[in-house]
Amino acid sequence: MKTTLLLASILLLGQLHAADPASAASELEAAASSGNATAQFQLGRAYFRGDGVAADKAQAHQWILKSAEQGNPDAITSIGYFYSQGVVLEKDEAKAIEWFRKGAEAGSAKSQMNLGLMLRQGKTITLNHDESMLWLEKAAATDDPDAVRTLGQLYFLGDALLMPAPSKSIPYLTKAAEAGDPASMNMLGVAYREGQTGTIDKEQAKAWFRKAAQLGELKAQSNLGHILGVESPTSRDRKEALKWLLIAKEQGEATATKTYKEILPTFPPALLAAAQKEANKFLIIARSKSSKTAASPEEKQHANAANPHE
């Protein structure tokens, strides 16, 4: 399973909520200079983002380190991030783990999750499955959305240190899916389709595939097309099935592309044209939304399992 470390939340989330960000940053700097750990932390974030001040990651590191040295858990997590990603500092997995462990022991769910991930993904350290799972489970127990999602997808997919354990994944995937994570919705749909929840339930599978598909999850779009009967000439939902298959295929999803090539000769031209029209409409709207999101200054973070999960 391929996962990516969660970027420290303080570095990427939130902005200075003031009519005049520059003035707010000035006030924040005064508080930080007086030794206030929270202000130091927030000022470091502002420098990292260029929020009310000129972006300066070196300054961001200096202020966040001051806060971390006073024990601020989020700042400690952020220093782990600097080391893990090689931002400002030379990339150093051992030092990243040292800082994430400090944050984890201080109760930071983000540190607990990042520590758990590094202990099973590090390139220059001795991997430790047992300690990794301990920290990932602690993080998920706080109901941190990223930690819940990460643990659920790890159990579902497995990795080099863990065989897939779908039955253990269900509570976490359900919580992550209900919180709106498309990849978890798709995995939950697969679990219902395959009976990994304890019983096969194709209606539940369809429902989760559809929710994820509407949110742009490619595998869910392909899976929805298949479960709706795209390959069956007698399916009452064949037009909708082909619509979702086309949507996934147009975006390069491999299974959808293969299936489309195989079934194309069997499709009535009128039905194909109608499905293509609906697919095009969906894609135009989706691309418009994607363009607006890309133009937004808000940065996003995630720690998703980046594996095919058909």
C-alpha atoms as a PDB file:
ATOM      1  CA  MET A   1       0.000   0.000   0.000  1.00  0.00           C
ATOM      2  CA  LYS A   2       1.354   3.407  -0.917  1.00  0.00           C
ATOM      3  CA  THR A   3       0.461   6.212   1.467  1.00  0.00           C
ATOM      4  CA  THR A   4       1.730   9.739   1.948  1.00  0.00           C
ATOM      5  CA  LEU A   5       2.576  11.450   5.199  1.00  0.00           C
ATOM      6  CA  LEU A   6      -0.006  13.876   6.423  1.00  0.00           C
ATOM      7  CA  LEU A   7       1.338  17.407   6.315  1.00  0.00           C
ATOM      8  CA  ALA A   8       1.180  19.033   9.718  1.00  0.00           C
ATOM      9  CA  SER A   9      -2.222  20.629   9.985  1.00  0.00           C
ATOM     10  CA  ILE A  10      -1.001  23.907  11.430  1.00  0.00           C
ATOM     11  CA  LEU A  11       1.096  24.542   8.344  1.00  0.00           C
ATOM     12  CA  LEU A  12      -1.700  24.151   5.860  1.00  0.00           C
ATOM     13  CA  LEU A  13      -5.024  24.922   7.462  1.00  0.00           C
ATOM     14  CA  GLY A  14      -6.494  28.227   8.510  1.00  0.00           C
ATOM     15  CA  GLN A  15      -5.758  31.827   7.713  1.00  0.00           C
ATOM     16  CA  LEU A  16      -5.511  35.034   9.680  1.00  0.00           C
ATOM     17  CA  HIS A  17      -9.164  35.912  10.173  1.00  0.00           C
ATOM     18  CA  ALA A  18      -9.038  39.682  10.059  1.00  0.00           C
ATOM     19  CA  ALA A  19     -10.121  42.448   7.720  1.00  0.00           C
ATOM     20  CA  ASP A  20      -6.446  43.447   7.496  1.00  0.00           C
ATOM     21  CA  PRO A  21      -4.229  40.312   7.503  1.00  0.00           C
ATOM     22  CA  ALA A  22      -1.043  42.393   7.519  1.00  0.00           C
ATOM     23  CA  SER A  23      -2.165  44.219  10.674  1.00  0.00           C
ATOM     24  CA  ALA A  24      -3.174  40.932  12.262  1.00  0.00           C
ATOM     25  CA  ALA A  25       0.231  39.481  11.419  1.00  0.00           C
ATOM     26  CA  SER A  26       1.930  42.476  13.040  1.00  0.00           C
ATOM     27  CA  GLU A  27      -0.039  41.956  16.242  1.00  0.00           C
ATOM     28  CA  LEU A  28       0.739  38.256  16.118  1.00  0.00           C
ATOM     29  CA  GLU A  29       4.450  38.968  15.760  1.00  0.00           C
ATOM     30  CA  ALA A  30       4.367  41.203  18.833  1.00  0.00           C
ATOM     31  CA  ALA A  31       2.747  38.413  20.855  1.00  0.00           C
ATOM     32  CA  ALA A  32       5.180  35.841  19.467  1.00  0.00           C
ATOM     33  CA  SER A  33       8.165  38.058  20.295  1.00  0.00           C
ATOM     34  CA  SER A  34       6.930  38.286  23.872  1.00  0.00           C
ATOM     35  CA  GLY A  35       7.220  34.491  24.147  1.00  0.00           C
ATOM     36  CA  ASN A  36       3.640  33.358  23.605  1.00  0.00           C
ATOM     37  CA  ALA A  37       3.954  29.799  22.251  1.00  0.00           C
ATOM     38  CA  THR A  38       0.581  29.809  20.530  1.00  0.00           C
ATOM     39  CA  ALA A  39       1.362  33.090  18.783  1.00  0.00           C
ATOM     40  CA  GLN A  40       4.771  31.777  17.722  1.00  0.00           C
ATOM     41  CA  PHE A  41       3.101  28.762  16.250  1.00  0.00           C
ATOM     42  CA  GLN A  42       0.485  30.810  14.402  1.00  0.00           C
ATOM     43  CA  LEU A  43       3.086  33.269  13.146  1.00  0.00           C
ATOM     44  CA  GLY A  44       5.166  30.399  11.813  1.00  0.00           C
ATOM     45  CA  ARG A  45       2.117  29.158   9.955  1.00  0.00           C
ATOM     46  CA  ALA A  46       1.515  32.614   8.522  1.00  0.00           C
ATOM     47  CA  TYR A  47       5.087  32.731   7.196  1.00  0.00           C
ATOM     48  CA  PHE A  48       4.741  29.228   5.803  1.00  0.00           C
ATOM     49  CA  ARG A  49       1.610  30.204   3.877  1.00  0.00           C
ATOM     50  CA  GLY A  50       2.424  33.814   3.089  1.00  0.00           C
ATOM     51  CA  ASP A  51      -0.694  34.807   5.011  1.00  0.00           C
ATOM     52  CA  GLY A  52      -0.448  38.524   5.849  1.00  0.00           C
ATOM     53  CA  VAL A  53       3.353  38.360   5.480  1.00  0.00           C
ATOM     54  CA  ALA A  54       5.721  37.439   2.661  1.00  0.00           C
ATOM     55  CA  ALA A  55       6.041  33.675   2.459  1.00  0.00           C
ATOM     56  CA  ASP A  56       9.277  32.612   4.115  1.00  0.00           C
ATOM     57  CA  LYS A  57       9.676  28.988   5.121  1.00  0.00           C
ATOM     58  CA  ALA A  58      12.929  29.669   6.975  1.00  0.00           C
ATOM     59  CA  GLN A  59      11.125  32.222   9.164  1.00  0.00           C
ATOM     60  CA  ALA A  60       8.257  29.773   9.524  1.00  0.00           C
ATOM     61  CA  HIS A  61      10.655  27.154  10.837  1.00  0.00           C
ATOM     62  CA  GLN A  62      12.277  29.561  13.309  1.00  0.00           C
ATOM     63  CA  TRP A  63       8.985  30.582  14.902  1.00  0.00           C
ATOM     64  CA  ILE A  64       7.522  27.101  14.931  1.00  0.00           C
ATOM     65  CA  LEU A  65      10.701  25.742  16.530  1.00  0.00           C
ATOM     66  CA  LYS A  66      10.428  28.350  19.297  1.00  0.00           C
ATOM     67  CA  SER A  67       6.863  27.176  19.933  1.00  0.00           C
ATOM     68  CA  ALA A  68       7.853  23.509  19.779  1.00  0.00           C
ATOM     69  CA  GLU A  69      10.612  24.074  22.328  1.00  0.00           C
ATOM     70  CA  GLN A  70       7.907  25.331  24.692  1.00  0.00           C
ATOM     71  CA  GLY A  71       5.961  22.097  24.218  1.00  0.00           C
ATOM     72  CA  ASN A  72       3.231  23.128  21.761  1.00  0.00           C
ATOM     73  CA  PRO A  73       2.069  19.748  20.309  1.00  0.00           C
ATOM     74  CA  ASP A  74       1.089  21.140  16.907  1.00  0.00           C
ATOM     75  CA  ALA A  75       4.419  22.929  16.591  1.00  0.00           C
ATOM     76  CA  ILE A  76       6.228  19.723  17.514  1.00  0.00           C
ATOM     77  CA  THR A  77       4.303  17.945  14.759  1.00  0.00           C
ATOM     78  CA  SER A  78       5.291  20.677  12.319  1.00  0.00           C
ATOM     79  CA  ILE A  79       8.995  20.269  13.087  1.00  0.00           C
ATOM     80  CA  GLY A  80       8.592  16.582  12.321  1.00  0.00           C
ATOM     81  CA  TYR A  81       7.085  17.643   9.016  1.00  0.00           C
ATOM     82  CA  PHE A  82      10.053  19.887   8.182  1.00  0.00           C
ATOM     83  CA  TYR A  83      12.435  16.981   8.740  1.00  0.00           C
ATOM     84  CA  SER A  84      10.277  14.369   7.006  1.00  0.00           C
ATOM     85  CA  GLN A  85       9.811  16.461   3.864  1.00  0.00           C
ATOM     86  CA  GLY A  86      13.205  18.176   3.771  1.00  0.00           C
ATOM     87  CA  VAL A  87      11.683  21.654   4.000  1.00  0.00           C
ATOM     88  CA  VAL A  88      14.281  24.218   5.161  1.00  0.00           C
ATOM     89  CA  LEU A  89      16.089  21.416   7.003  1.00  0.00           C
ATOM     90  CA  GLU A  90      17.930  18.509   5.415  1.00  0.00           C
ATOM     91  CA  LYS A  91      15.577  15.551   5.085  1.00  0.00           C
ATOM     92  CA  ASP A  92      16.161  13.243   8.045  1.00  0.00           C
ATOM     93  CA  GLU A  93      13.751  10.408   8.802  1.00  0.00           C
ATOM     94  CA  ALA A  94      15.303   9.626  12.180  1.00  0.00           C
ATOM     95  CA  LYS A  95      14.892  13.208  13.385  1.00  0.00           C
ATOM     96  CA  ALA A  96      11.387  13.377  11.919  1.00  0.00           C
ATOM     97  CA  ILE A  97      10.475  10.291  13.913  1.00  0.00           C
ATOM     98  CA  GLU A  98      12.042  11.803  17.029  1.00  0.00           C
ATOM     99  CA  TRP A  99       9.832  14.888  16.714  1.00  0.00           C
ATOM    100  CA  PHE A 100       6.708  12.963  15.749  1.00  0.00           C
ATOM    101  CA  ARG A 101       7.247  10.714  18.774  1.00  0.00           C
ATOM    102  CA  LYS A 102       7.445  13.797  21.026  1.00  0.00           C
ATOM    103  CA  GLY A 103       4.177  15.040  19.549  1.00  0.00           C
ATOM    104  CA  ALA A 104       2.588  11.605  19.769  1.00  0.00           C
ATOM    105  CA  GLU A 105       3.487  11.259  23.430  1.00  0.00           C
ATOM    106  CA  ALA A 106       2.078  14.753  24.017  1.00  0.00           C
ATOM    107  CA  GLY A 107      -1.256  13.574  22.579  1.00  0.00           C
ATOM    108  CA  SER A 108      -1.172  14.997  19.039  1.00  0.00           C
ATOM    109  CA  ALA A 109      -3.249  12.757  16.773  1.00  0.00           C
ATOM    110  CA  LYS A 110      -1.412  14.131  13.715  1.00  0.00           C
ATOM    111  CA  SER A 111       1.948  13.188  15.232  1.00  0.00           C
ATOM    112  CA  GLN A 112       0.630   9.768  16.210  1.00  0.00           C
ATOM    113  CA  MET A 113      -0.548   9.133  12.677  1.00  0.00           C
ATOM    114  CA  ASN A 114       2.596  10.454  11.012  1.00  0.00           C
ATOM    115  CA  LEU A 115       4.775   8.454  13.384  1.00  0.00           C
ATOM    116  CA  GLY A 116       2.774   5.320  12.670  1.00  0.00           C
ATOM    117  CA  LEU A 117       3.122   5.850   8.924  1.00  0.00           C
ATOM    118  CA  MET A 118       6.850   6.573   9.037  1.00  0.00           C
ATOM    119  CA  LEU A 119       7.507   3.447  11.094  1.00  0.00           C
ATOM    120  CA  ARG A 120       6.109   1.343   8.247  1.00  0.00           C
ATOM    121  CA  GLN A 121       7.214   3.393   5.249  1.00  0.00           C
ATOM    122  CA  GLY A 122      10.597   4.831   6.148  1.00  0.00           C
ATOM    123  CA  LYS A 123      13.441   4.344   3.683  1.00  0.00           C
ATOM    124  CA  THR A 124      16.398   4.791   6.039  1.00  0.00           C
ATOM    125  CA  ILE A 125      15.093   3.354   9.311  1.00  0.00           C
ATOM    126  CA  THR A 126      14.245  -0.060  10.736  1.00  0.00           C
ATOM    127  CA  LEU A 127      10.528  -0.597  10.142  1.00  0.00           C
ATOM    128  CA  ASN A 128       8.408  -1.514  13.139  1.00  0.00           C
ATOM    129  CA  HIS A 129       4.945  -2.914  12.418  1.00  0.00           C
ATOM    130  CA  ASP A 130       3.862  -3.371  16.032  1.00  0.00           C
ATOM    131  CA  GLU A 131       4.739   0.154  17.158  1.00  0.00           C
ATOM    132  CA  SER A 132       3.333   1.567  13.940  1.00  0.00           C
ATOM    133  CA  MET A 133      -0.053  -0.050  14.549  1.00  0.00           C
ATOM    134  CA  LEU A 134      -0.040   1.084  18.179  1.00  0.00           C
ATOM    135  CA  TRP A 135       0.280   4.728  17.146  1.00  0.00           C
ATOM    136  CA  LEU A 136      -2.117   4.485  14.209  1.00  0.00           C
ATOM    137  CA  GLU A 137      -4.769   2.948  16.455  1.00  0.00           C
ATOM    138  CA  LYS A 138      -4.193   5.611  19.120  1.00  0.00           C
ATOM    139  CA  ALA A 139      -4.619   8.323  16.491  1.00  0.00           C
ATOM    140  CA  ALA A 140      -7.792   6.749  15.106  1.00  0.00           C
ATOM    141  CA  ALA A 141      -9.199   6.418  18.622  1.00  0.00           C
ATOM    142  CA  THR A 142      -9.226  10.235  18.857  1.00  0.00           C
ATOM    143  CA  ASP A 143     -11.646  10.267  15.880  1.00  0.00           C
ATOM    144  CA  ASP A 144      -9.227  12.407  13.882  1.00  0.00           C
ATOM    145  CA  PRO A 145     -10.701  12.053  10.360  1.00  0.00           C
ATOM    146  CA  ASP A 146      -7.358  11.533   8.616  1.00  0.00           C
ATOM    147  CA  ALA A 147      -6.269   8.934  11.152  1.00  0.00           C
ATOM    148  CA  VAL A 148      -9.570   7.042  10.923  1.00  0.00           C
ATOM    149  CA  ARG A 149      -9.374   7.015   7.140  1.00  0.00           C
ATOM    150  CA  THR A 150      -5.717   5.984   7.109  1.00  0.00           C
ATOM    151  CA  LEU A 151      -6.209   3.042   9.465  1.00  0.00           C
ATOM    152  CA  GLY A 152      -9.341   1.841   7.686  1.00  0.00           C
ATOM    153  CA  GLN A 153      -7.647   1.869   4.297  1.00  0.00           C
ATOM    154  CA  LEU A 154      -4.520   0.211   5.695  1.00  0.00           C
ATOM    155  CA  TYR A 155      -6.583  -2.662   7.107  1.00  0.00           C
ATOM    156  CA  PHE A 156      -8.575  -2.955   3.877  1.00  0.00           C
ATOM    157  CA  LEU A 157      -5.642  -2.913   1.450  1.00  0.00           C
ATOM    158  CA  GLY A 158      -2.779  -4.176   3.566  1.00  0.00           C
ATOM    159  CA  ASP A 159       0.822  -3.306   2.774  1.00  0.00           C
ATOM    160  CA  ALA A 160       4.287  -4.848   2.902  1.00  0.00           C
ATOM    161  CA  LEU A 161       3.955  -5.358   6.666  1.00  0.00           C
ATOM    162  CA  LEU A 162       0.282  -6.306   6.922  1.00  0.00           C
ATOM    163  CA  MET A 163      -1.984  -8.706   5.089  1.00  0.00           C
ATOM    164  CA  PRO A 164      -5.366  -7.194   4.134  1.00  0.00           C
ATOM    165  CA  ALA A 165      -7.895  -7.541   6.936  1.00  0.00           C
ATOM    166  CA  PRO A 166     -11.193  -6.227   5.479  1.00  0.00           C
ATOM    167  CA  SER A 167     -13.270  -7.239   8.493  1.00  0.00           C
ATOM    168  CA  LYS A 168     -11.137  -5.001  10.731  1.00  0.00           C
ATOM    169  CA  SER A 169     -11.424  -2.149   8.268  1.00  0.00           C
ATOM    170  CA  ILE A 170     -15.218  -1.872   8.248  1.00  0.00           C
ATOM    171  CA  PRO A 171     -15.771   0.311  11.366  1.00  0.00           C
ATOM    172  CA  TYR A 172     -13.074   2.752  10.234  1.00  0.00           C
ATOM    173  CA  LEU A 173     -14.125   2.796   6.592  1.00  0.00           C
ATOM    174  CA  THR A 174     -17.746   3.348   7.615  1.00  0.00           C
ATOM    175  CA  LYS A 175     -16.806   6.310   9.800  1.00  0.00           C
ATOM    176  CA  ALA A 176     -14.567   7.783   7.085  1.00  0.00           C
ATOM    177  CA  ALA A 177     -17.193   7.211   4.387  1.00  0.00           C
ATOM    178  CA  GLU A 178     -19.910   8.822   6.478  1.00  0.00           C
ATOM    179  CA  ALA A 179     -17.552  11.780   6.990  1.00  0.00           C
ATOM    180  CA  GLY A 180     -17.377  12.192   3.213  1.00  0.00           C
ATOM    181  CA  ASP A 181     -14.164  10.492   2.065  1.00  0.00           C
ATOM    182  CA  PRO A 182     -14.720   9.147  -1.493  1.00  0.00           C
ATOM    183  CA  ALA A 183     -11.967   6.504  -1.431  1.00  0.00           C
ATOM    184  CA  SER A 184     -13.379   5.039   1.778  1.00  0.00           C
ATOM    185  CA  MET A 185     -16.873   5.076   0.262  1.00  0.00           C
ATOM    186  CA  ASN A 186     -15.578   3.050  -2.675  1.00  0.00           C
ATOM    187  CA  MET A 187     -13.802   0.542  -0.460  1.00  0.00           C
ATOM    188  CA  LEU A 188     -16.925   0.172   1.650  1.00  0.00           C
ATOM    189  CA  GLY A 189     -18.884  -0.463  -1.536  1.00  0.00           C
ATOM    190  CA  VAL A 190     -16.414  -3.190  -2.479  1.00  0.00           C
ATOM    191  CA  ALA A 191     -16.746  -4.699   1.000  1.00  0.00           C
ATOM    192  CA  TYR A 192     -20.544  -4.864   0.684  1.00  0.00           C
ATOM    193  CA  ARG A 193     -20.293  -6.229  -2.850  1.00  0.00           C
ATOM    194  CA  GLU A 194     -17.879  -8.975  -1.814  1.00  0.00           C
ATOM    195  CA  GLY A 195     -19.542  -9.838   1.504  1.00  0.00           C
ATOM    196  CA  GLN A 196     -16.583  -8.595   3.531  1.00  0.00           C
ATOM    197  CA  THR A 197     -18.983  -6.879   5.924  1.00  0.00           C
ATOM    198  CA  GLY A 198     -20.397 -10.282   6.870  1.00  0.00           C
ATOM    199  CA  THR A 199     -23.040 -10.433   4.170  1.00  0.00           C
ATOM    200  CA  ILE A 200     -23.299  -9.557   0.487  1.00  0.00           C
ATOM    201  CA  ASP A 201     -25.443  -6.463   0.035  1.00  0.00           C
ATOM    202  CA  LYS A 202     -25.416  -5.137  -3.514  1.00  0.00           C
ATOM    203  CA  GLU A 203     -27.864  -2.334  -2.762  1.00  0.00           C
ATOM    204  CA  GLN A 204     -25.536  -0.942  -0.110  1.00  0.00           C
ATOM    205  CA  ALA A 205     -22.635  -1.423  -2.513  1.00  0.00           C
ATOM    206  CA  LYS A 206     -24.472   0.546  -5.207  1.00  0.00           C
ATOM    207  CA  ALA A 207     -25.319   3.297  -2.758  1.00  0.00           C
ATOM    208  CA  TRP A 208     -21.711   3.765  -1.649  1.00  0.00           C
ATOM    209  CA  PHE A 209     -20.333   3.467  -5.174  1.00  0.00           C
ATOM    210  CA  ARG A 210     -22.814   6.114  -6.338  1.00  0.00           C
ATOM    211  CA  LYS A 211     -21.914   8.544  -3.537  1.00  0.00           C
ATOM    212  CA  ALA A 212     -18.210   8.153  -4.268  1.00  0.00           C
ATOM    213  CA  ALA A 213     -18.746   8.329  -8.040  1.00  0.00           C
ATOM    214  CA  GLN A 214     -20.619  11.602  -7.732  1.00  0.00           C
ATOM    215  CA  LEU A 215     -17.664  12.969  -5.761  1.00  0.00           C
ATOM    216  CA  GLY A 216     -15.286  12.024  -8.573  1.00  0.00           C
ATOM    217  CA  GLU A 217     -13.770   8.754  -7.328  1.00  0.00           C
ATOM    218  CA  LEU A 218     -12.662   6.999 -10.537  1.00  0.00           C
ATOM    219  CA  LYS A 219     -12.680   3.453  -9.207  1.00  0.00           C
ATOM    220  CA  ALA A 220     -16.158   3.994  -7.799  1.00  0.00           C
ATOM    221  CA  GLN A 221     -17.377   5.282 -11.158  1.00  0.00           C
ATOM    222  CA  SER A 222     -16.044   2.146 -12.843  1.00  0.00           C
ATOM    223  CA  ASN A 223     -17.385  -0.099 -10.086  1.00  0.00           C
ATOM    224  CA  LEU A 224     -20.800   1.550 -10.292  1.00  0.00           C
ATOM    225  CA  GLY A 225     -20.925   0.975 -14.022  1.00  0.00           C
ATOM    226  CA  HIS A 226     -20.190  -2.706 -13.522  1.00  0.00           C
ATOM    227  CA  ILE A 227     -22.592  -3.318 -10.652  1.00  0.00           C
ATOM    228  CA  LEU A 228     -25.390  -1.554 -12.578  1.00  0.00           C
ATOM    229  CA  GLY A 229     -24.900  -4.091 -15.372  1.00  0.00           C
ATOM    230  CA  VAL A 230     -23.006  -2.326 -18.138  1.00  0.00           C
ATOM    231  CA  GLU A 231     -22.104  -5.699 -19.653  1.00  0.00           C
ATOM    232  CA  SER A 232     -25.662  -7.043 -19.489  1.00  0.00           C
ATOM    233  CA  PRO A 233     -27.979  -6.317 -22.454  1.00  0.00           C
ATOM    234  CA  THR A 234     -30.959  -7.036 -20.173  1.00  0.00           C
ATOM    235  CA  SER A 235     -29.994  -4.567 -17.443  1.00  0.00           C
ATOM    236  CA  ARG A 236     -32.642  -1.891 -16.855  1.00  0.00           C
ATOM    237  CA  ASP A 237     -29.872   0.442 -15.729  1.00  0.00           C
ATOM    238  CA  ARG A 238     -27.581  -0.111 -18.685  1.00  0.00           C
ATOM    239  CA  LYS A 239     -27.628   3.519 -19.868  1.00  0.00           C
ATOM    240  CA  GLU A 240     -26.678   4.808 -16.425  1.00  0.00           C
ATOM    241  CA  ALA A 241     -24.102   2.018 -16.138  1.00  0.00           C
ATOM    242  CA  LEU A 242     -22.488   3.052 -19.409  1.00  0.00           C
ATOM    243  CA  LYS A 243     -22.597   6.710 -18.387  1.00  0.00           C
ATOM    244  CA  TRP A 244     -20.440   5.975 -15.329  1.00  0.00           C
ATOM    245  CA  LEU A 245     -18.151   3.671 -17.274  1.00  0.00           C
ATOM    246  CA  LEU A 246     -17.637   6.417 -19.867  1.00  0.00           C
ATOM    247  CA  ILE A 247     -16.923   8.984 -17.155  1.00  0.00           C
ATOM    248  CA  ALA A 248     -14.242   6.744 -15.664  1.00  0.00           C
ATOM    249  CA  LYS A 249     -12.861   5.812 -19.086  1.00  0.00           C
ATOM    250  CA  GLU A 250     -12.595   9.441 -20.205  1.00  0.00           C
ATOM    251  CA  GLN A 251     -10.382  10.077 -17.179  1.00  0.00           C
ATOM    252  CA  GLY A 252      -8.104   7.148 -17.916  1.00  0.00           C
ATOM    253  CA  GLU A 253      -9.361   4.514 -15.465  1.00  0.00           C
ATOM    254  CA  ALA A 254      -7.858   1.264 -16.739  1.00  0.00           C
ATOM    255  CA  THR A 255     -10.653  -1.209 -15.976  1.00  0.00           C
ATOM    256  CA  ALA A 256     -13.300   1.061 -17.456  1.00  0.00           C
ATOM    257  CA  THR A 257     -11.214   1.549 -20.597  1.00  0.00           C
ATOM    258  CA  LYS A 258     -10.768  -2.208 -21.048  1.00  0.00           C
ATOM    259  CA  THR A 259     -14.454  -2.952 -20.446  1.00  0.00           C
ATOM    260  CA  TYR A 260     -15.560  -0.216 -22.847  1.00  0.00           C
ATOM    261  CA  LYS A 261     -13.461  -1.660 -25.656  1.00  0.00           C
ATOM    262  CA  GLU A 262     -14.894  -5.122 -25.030  1.00  0.00           C
ATOM    263  CA  ILE A 263     -18.576  -4.143 -24.905  1.00  0.00           C
ATOM    264  CA  LEU A 264     -18.631  -1.359 -27.506  1.00  0.00           C
ATOM    265  CA  PRO A 265     -19.661  -3.665 -30.385  1.00  0.00           C
ATOM    266  CA  THR A 266     -22.678  -4.886 -28.371  1.00  0.00           C
ATOM    267  CA  PHE A 267     -24.119  -1.453 -27.591  1.00  0.00           C
ATOM    268  CA  PRO A 268     -27.092  -0.018 -29.544  1.00  0.00           C
ATOM    269  CA  PRO A 269     -25.899   3.270 -31.094  1.00  0.00           C
ATOM    270  CA  ALA A 270     -28.843   5.274 -29.709  1.00  0.00           C
ATOM    271  CA  LEU A 271     -28.205   4.048 -26.164  1.00  0.00           C
ATOM    272  CA  LEU A 272     -24.508   4.763 -26.507  1.00  0.00           C
ATOM    273  CA  ALA A 273     -25.215   8.303 -27.732  1.00  0.00           C
ATOM    274  CA  ALA A 274     -27.588   8.992 -24.839  1.00  0.00           C
ATOM    275  CA  ALA A 275     -25.106   7.678 -22.277  1.00  0.00           C
ATOM    276  CA  GLN A 276     -22.273   9.690 -23.833  1.00  0.00           C
ATOM    277  CA  LYS A 277     -24.354  12.866 -23.632  1.00  0.00           C
ATOM    278  CA  GLU A 278     -24.999  12.360 -19.920  1.00  0.00           C
ATOM    279  CA  ALA A 279     -21.354  11.500 -19.304  1.00  0.00           C
ATOM    280  CA  ASN A 280     -20.211  14.647 -21.091  1.00  0.00           C
ATOM    281  CA  LYS A 281     -22.559  16.772 -18.995  1.00  0.00           C
ATOM    282  CA  PHE A 282     -21.154  15.309 -15.772  1.00  0.00           C
ATOM    283  CA  LEU A 283     -17.557  15.794 -16.902  1.00  0.00           C
ATOM    284  CA  ILE A 284     -18.100  19.418 -17.934  1.00  0.00           C
ATOM    285  CA  ILE A 285     -19.517  20.263 -14.511  1.00  0.00           C
ATOM    286  CA  ALA A 286     -16.817  18.276 -12.701  1.00  0.00           C
ATOM    287  CA  ARG A 287     -14.005  19.964 -14.630  1.00  0.00           C
ATOM    288  CA  SER A 288     -15.496  23.374 -13.971  1.00  0.00           C
ATOM    289  CA  LYS A 289     -15.549  22.670 -10.230  1.00  0.00           C
ATOM    290  CA  SER A 290     -12.009  21.286 -10.385  1.00  0.00           C
ATOM    291  CA  SER A 291     -10.790  24.424 -12.130  1.00  0.00           C
ATOM    292  CA  LYS A 292     -12.306  26.648  -9.451  1.00  0.00           C
ATOM    293  CA  THR A 293     -10.775  24.522  -6.700  1.00  0.00           C
ATOM    294  CA  ALA A 294      -7.341  24.651  -8.340  1.00  0.00           C
ATOM    295  CA  ALA A 295      -7.561  28.436  -8.458  1.00  0.00           C
ATOM    296  CA  SER A 296      -8.375  28.632  -4.752  1.00  0.00           C
ATOM    297  CA  PRO A 297      -5.582  29.709  -2.399  1.00  0.00           C
ATOM    298  CA  GLU A 298      -6.671  27.119   0.129  1.00  0.00           C
ATOM    299  CA  GLU A 299      -4.202  24.237   0.380  1.00  0.00           C
ATOM    300  CA  LYS A 300      -5.435  20.739   1.056  1.00  0.00           C
ATOM    301  CA  GLN A 301      -3.921  17.786   2.853  1.00  0.00           C
ATOM    302  CA  HIS A 302      -4.639  14.034   3.021  1.00  0.00           C
ATOM    303  CA  ALA A 303      -3.198  10.731   3.838  1.00  0.00           C
ATOM    304  CA  ASN A 304      -5.043   8.455   1.485  1.00  0.00           C
ATOM    305  CA  ALA A 305      -4.103   4.984   0.434  1.00  0.00           C
ATOM    306  CA  ALA A 306      -3.138   5.468  -3.198  1.00  0.00           C
ATOM    307  CA  ASN A 307      -3.767   1.975  -4.431  1.00  0.00           C
ATOM    308  CA  PRO A 308      -6.231   0.600  -6.988  1.00  0.00           C
ATOM    309  CA  HIS A 309      -9.136  -0.818  -5.015  1.00  0.00           C
ATOM    310  CA  GLU A 310     -11.478  -2.338  -7.496  1.00  0.00           C
END
